[in-house]
C-alpha cells in the first residue's frame, strides 16, 4: 500500500487533516506546473487551487492505482488548456518590469522571459513535454503516463522540442538546423 492510498481513504472518511496533508504534498509541484503554462503567478495559483478542487469533487469516484500525481497533472493540464482557450492575451508577470522590484540582474530576468516565450511558442504537444521533463523533473515514463502516449513518442517530442528551442534561442549548430527543417 502506498501513502497516497491511505491519505485518500482517510479523505474519503472526512478526515480534514488528510486533505491538508494531501495538498501540502502536491501543491508545490502542481503550482510550478501551472506557472510554466501561464507564466503569471496569480493565474497559476488559481489553476493549482482549481486542480485540487476538481480532484476533491470527484474524490468519491476516485480509485487509487498508485498514480495520483499523474492524475493531478492531467487535471492541471486540462485546466491550463481550458484557460488558454478562454484567454488568448494573458499578461505575464514580467510585462511591467519597471513597476516591480527585481532582485535578480536584468540579464537573467530577460533570459528567463526569452525561454518562457520560446517554450510558449512551441506547438502544445512539444511544450508540454518540455515543461514536464525540464521544469517538473519528471521521468519519460511518467510523462508518457500523464499524456497517455507511448514513451517513444515522448522521446521524439522532447528531441524535436529541443531542436526547435535551440533554433529559436540561437544555440543550435547548422547541421541540426538543416536537419530540423527536413523533420517537419
Protein backbone atom coordinates (compact mmCIF):
# COMPACT_ATOMS: atom_id res chain seq x y z
CA UNK A 1 0.00 0.00 0.00
CA UNK A 2 1.31 3.45 -0.81
CA UNK A 3 0.98 6.60 1.28
CA UNK A 4 -1.47 8.20 -1.16
CA UNK A 5 -3.85 5.27 -0.82
CA UNK A 6 -4.00 5.76 2.95
CA UNK A 7 -4.41 9.52 2.72
CA UNK A 8 -7.16 9.15 0.12
CA UNK A 9 -9.01 6.61 2.25
CA UNK A 10 -8.89 8.98 5.23
CA UNK A 11 -10.05 11.87 2.99
CA UNK A 12 -13.00 9.77 1.85
CA UNK A 13 -13.87 9.29 5.52
CA UNK A 14 -13.85 13.08 6.03
CA UNK A 15 -10.53 13.50 7.86
CA UNK A 16 -9.66 17.17 7.29
CA UNK A 17 -6.01 16.73 8.32
CA UNK A 18 -5.64 14.27 5.43
CA UNK A 19 -6.89 16.88 2.97
CA UNK A 20 -4.26 19.30 4.27
CA UNK A 21 -1.52 16.66 4.09
CA UNK A 22 -2.51 15.79 0.52
CA UNK A 23 -2.48 19.40 -0.64
CA UNK A 24 0.85 20.06 1.12
CA UNK A 25 2.36 17.03 -0.58
CA UNK A 26 1.47 18.03 -4.16
CA UNK A 27 0.65 21.74 -4.17
CA UNK A 28 4.18 22.96 -4.93
CA UNK A 29 4.61 20.68 -7.94
CA UNK A 30 1.18 21.47 -9.36
CA UNK A 31 1.70 25.21 -8.81
CA UNK A 32 5.05 25.12 -10.64
CA UNK A 33 3.47 23.15 -13.48
CA UNK A 34 0.65 25.68 -13.83
CA UNK A 35 3.12 28.56 -13.61
CA UNK A 36 5.16 27.19 -16.50
CA UNK A 37 1.98 27.04 -18.55
CA UNK A 38 0.62 30.51 -17.93
CA UNK A 39 3.72 32.40 -16.67
CA UNK A 40 1.67 34.53 -14.29
CA UNK A 41 1.85 33.62 -10.61
CA UNK A 42 -1.71 34.72 -9.79
CA UNK A 43 -3.26 32.73 -12.61
CA UNK A 44 -1.05 29.76 -11.72
CA UNK A 45 -2.23 29.84 -8.11
CA UNK A 46 -5.85 29.91 -9.26
CA UNK A 47 -5.27 26.97 -11.61
CA UNK A 48 -3.44 24.96 -8.93
CA UNK A 49 -6.27 25.52 -6.45
CA UNK A 50 -8.83 24.61 -9.07
CA UNK A 51 -6.89 21.39 -9.76
CA UNK A 52 -7.35 20.28 -6.17
CA UNK A 53 -10.99 21.37 -6.13
CA UNK A 54 -11.65 19.19 -9.19
CA UNK A 55 -9.83 16.28 -7.57
CA UNK A 56 -11.78 16.64 -4.32
CA UNK A 57 -15.09 16.99 -6.21
CA UNK A 58 -14.51 13.58 -7.82
CA UNK A 59 -12.90 12.01 -4.74
CA UNK A 60 -15.77 9.62 -4.04
CA UNK A 61 -15.37 8.12 -7.53
CA UNK A 62 -11.55 8.07 -7.47
CA UNK A 63 -9.87 4.66 -7.20
CA UNK A 64 -6.19 4.86 -6.30
CA UNK A 65 -3.98 2.92 -8.67
CA UNK A 66 -0.71 4.41 -7.45
CA UNK A 67 -0.78 7.25 -9.99
CA UNK A 68 -2.32 10.08 -8.01
CA UNK A 69 0.35 12.58 -9.03
CA UNK A 70 -0.20 11.72 -12.70
CA UNK A 71 -3.92 12.25 -12.26
CA UNK A 72 -3.32 15.68 -10.69
CA UNK A 73 -1.03 16.65 -13.59
CA UNK A 74 -3.72 15.54 -16.04
CA UNK A 75 -6.33 17.68 -14.30
CA UNK A 76 -3.94 20.65 -14.17
CA UNK A 77 -3.03 20.23 -17.84
CA UNK A 78 -6.67 20.19 -18.86
CA UNK A 79 -7.38 23.30 -16.77
CA UNK A 80 -4.40 25.11 -18.32
CA UNK A 81 -5.60 24.24 -21.82
CA UNK A 82 -9.12 25.40 -20.98
CA UNK A 83 -7.70 28.59 -19.53
CA UNK A 84 -5.83 29.34 -22.76
CA UNK A 85 -8.92 28.72 -24.83
CA UNK A 86 -10.75 31.35 -22.80
CA UNK A 87 -7.92 33.86 -22.58
CA UNK A 88 -5.74 34.48 -25.58
CA UNK A 89 -3.98 37.59 -24.29
CA UNK A 90 -2.63 36.50 -20.93
CA UNK A 91 -0.30 39.07 -19.42
CA UNK A 92 2.91 37.77 -17.91
CA UNK A 93 4.21 38.95 -14.59
CA UNK A 94 7.22 40.40 -16.42
CA UNK A 95 5.32 42.81 -18.65
CA UNK A 96 5.56 45.60 -16.09
CA UNK A 97 9.23 45.27 -15.23
CA UNK A 98 9.53 48.91 -14.29
CA UNK A 99 6.70 48.55 -11.78
CA UNK A 100 8.08 45.50 -9.99
CA UNK A 101 11.10 45.17 -7.78
CA UNK A 102 13.59 42.82 -9.36
CA UNK A 103 16.25 41.31 -7.15
CA UNK A 104 17.92 39.33 -9.93
CA UNK A 105 20.10 41.04 -12.52
CA UNK A 106 18.21 42.28 -15.55
CA UNK A 107 20.05 39.92 -17.90
CA UNK A 108 18.86 36.81 -16.08
CA UNK A 109 15.29 38.12 -15.99
CA UNK A 110 15.38 38.85 -19.71
CA UNK A 111 16.86 35.40 -20.37
CA UNK A 112 14.07 33.79 -18.35
CA UNK A 113 11.48 35.75 -20.32
CA UNK A 114 13.08 34.64 -23.59
CA UNK A 115 12.99 30.99 -22.50
CA UNK A 116 9.38 31.27 -21.33
CA UNK A 117 8.33 32.89 -24.60
CA UNK A 118 10.19 30.26 -26.63
CA UNK A 119 8.51 27.43 -24.72
CA UNK A 120 5.15 29.18 -25.00
CA UNK A 121 5.57 29.43 -28.79
CA UNK A 122 6.17 25.69 -29.22
CA UNK A 123 3.36 23.51 -30.53
CA UNK A 124 1.36 22.40 -27.45
CA UNK A 125 2.43 18.75 -27.60
CA UNK A 126 6.12 19.77 -27.60
CA UNK A 127 5.76 22.48 -24.96
CA UNK A 128 4.01 20.06 -22.63
CA UNK A 129 6.87 17.57 -22.81
CA UNK A 130 9.48 20.29 -22.22
CA UNK A 131 7.62 21.60 -19.17
CA UNK A 132 7.13 18.17 -17.66
CA UNK A 133 10.68 16.99 -18.34
CA UNK A 134 12.80 20.05 -17.58
CA UNK A 135 10.70 22.17 -15.26
CA UNK A 136 8.87 19.42 -13.35
CA UNK A 137 11.77 16.91 -13.43
CA UNK A 138 9.53 14.02 -14.40
CA UNK A 139 10.86 10.86 -15.98
CA UNK A 140 9.86 9.95 -19.52
CA UNK A 141 7.72 7.06 -18.28
CA UNK A 142 5.79 9.43 -16.01
CA UNK A 143 5.33 11.89 -18.87
CA UNK A 144 4.07 9.09 -21.11
CA UNK A 145 1.56 8.10 -18.42
CA UNK A 146 0.36 11.68 -17.89
CA UNK A 147 -0.02 12.37 -21.60
CA UNK A 148 -1.32 8.86 -22.28
CA UNK A 149 1.11 8.30 -25.15
CA UNK A 150 3.88 5.84 -25.93
CA UNK A 151 7.30 6.54 -24.39
CA UNK A 152 8.89 6.62 -27.85
CA UNK A 153 6.55 9.49 -28.76
CA UNK A 154 7.66 11.34 -25.63
CA UNK A 155 11.31 10.87 -26.66
CA UNK A 156 10.55 12.12 -30.17
CA UNK A 157 8.65 15.17 -28.92
CA UNK A 158 11.41 16.00 -26.45
CA UNK A 159 14.08 15.80 -29.15
CA UNK A 160 12.05 17.89 -31.63
CA UNK A 161 11.20 20.45 -28.97
CA UNK A 162 14.87 20.81 -28.02
CA UNK A 163 15.78 21.29 -31.68
CA UNK A 164 13.10 23.93 -32.16
CA UNK A 165 14.08 25.73 -28.96
CA UNK A 166 17.71 25.59 -29.97
CA UNK A 167 16.87 27.24 -33.28
CA UNK A 168 14.75 29.90 -31.64
CA UNK A 169 17.28 30.59 -28.92
CA UNK A 170 20.17 30.64 -31.41
CA UNK A 171 22.08 27.78 -29.81
CA UNK A 172 21.79 25.09 -32.45
CA UNK A 173 24.52 24.24 -34.91
CA UNK A 174 23.96 24.39 -38.66
CA UNK A 175 23.65 20.63 -39.07
CA UNK A 176 20.84 20.34 -36.53
CA UNK A 177 19.12 23.37 -38.01
CA UNK A 178 19.22 21.91 -41.50
CA UNK A 179 18.07 18.51 -40.23
CA UNK A 180 15.14 20.01 -38.31
CA UNK A 181 13.68 21.52 -41.47
CA UNK A 182 13.51 18.07 -43.05
CA UNK A 183 11.80 16.62 -39.95
CA UNK A 184 8.81 18.92 -40.23
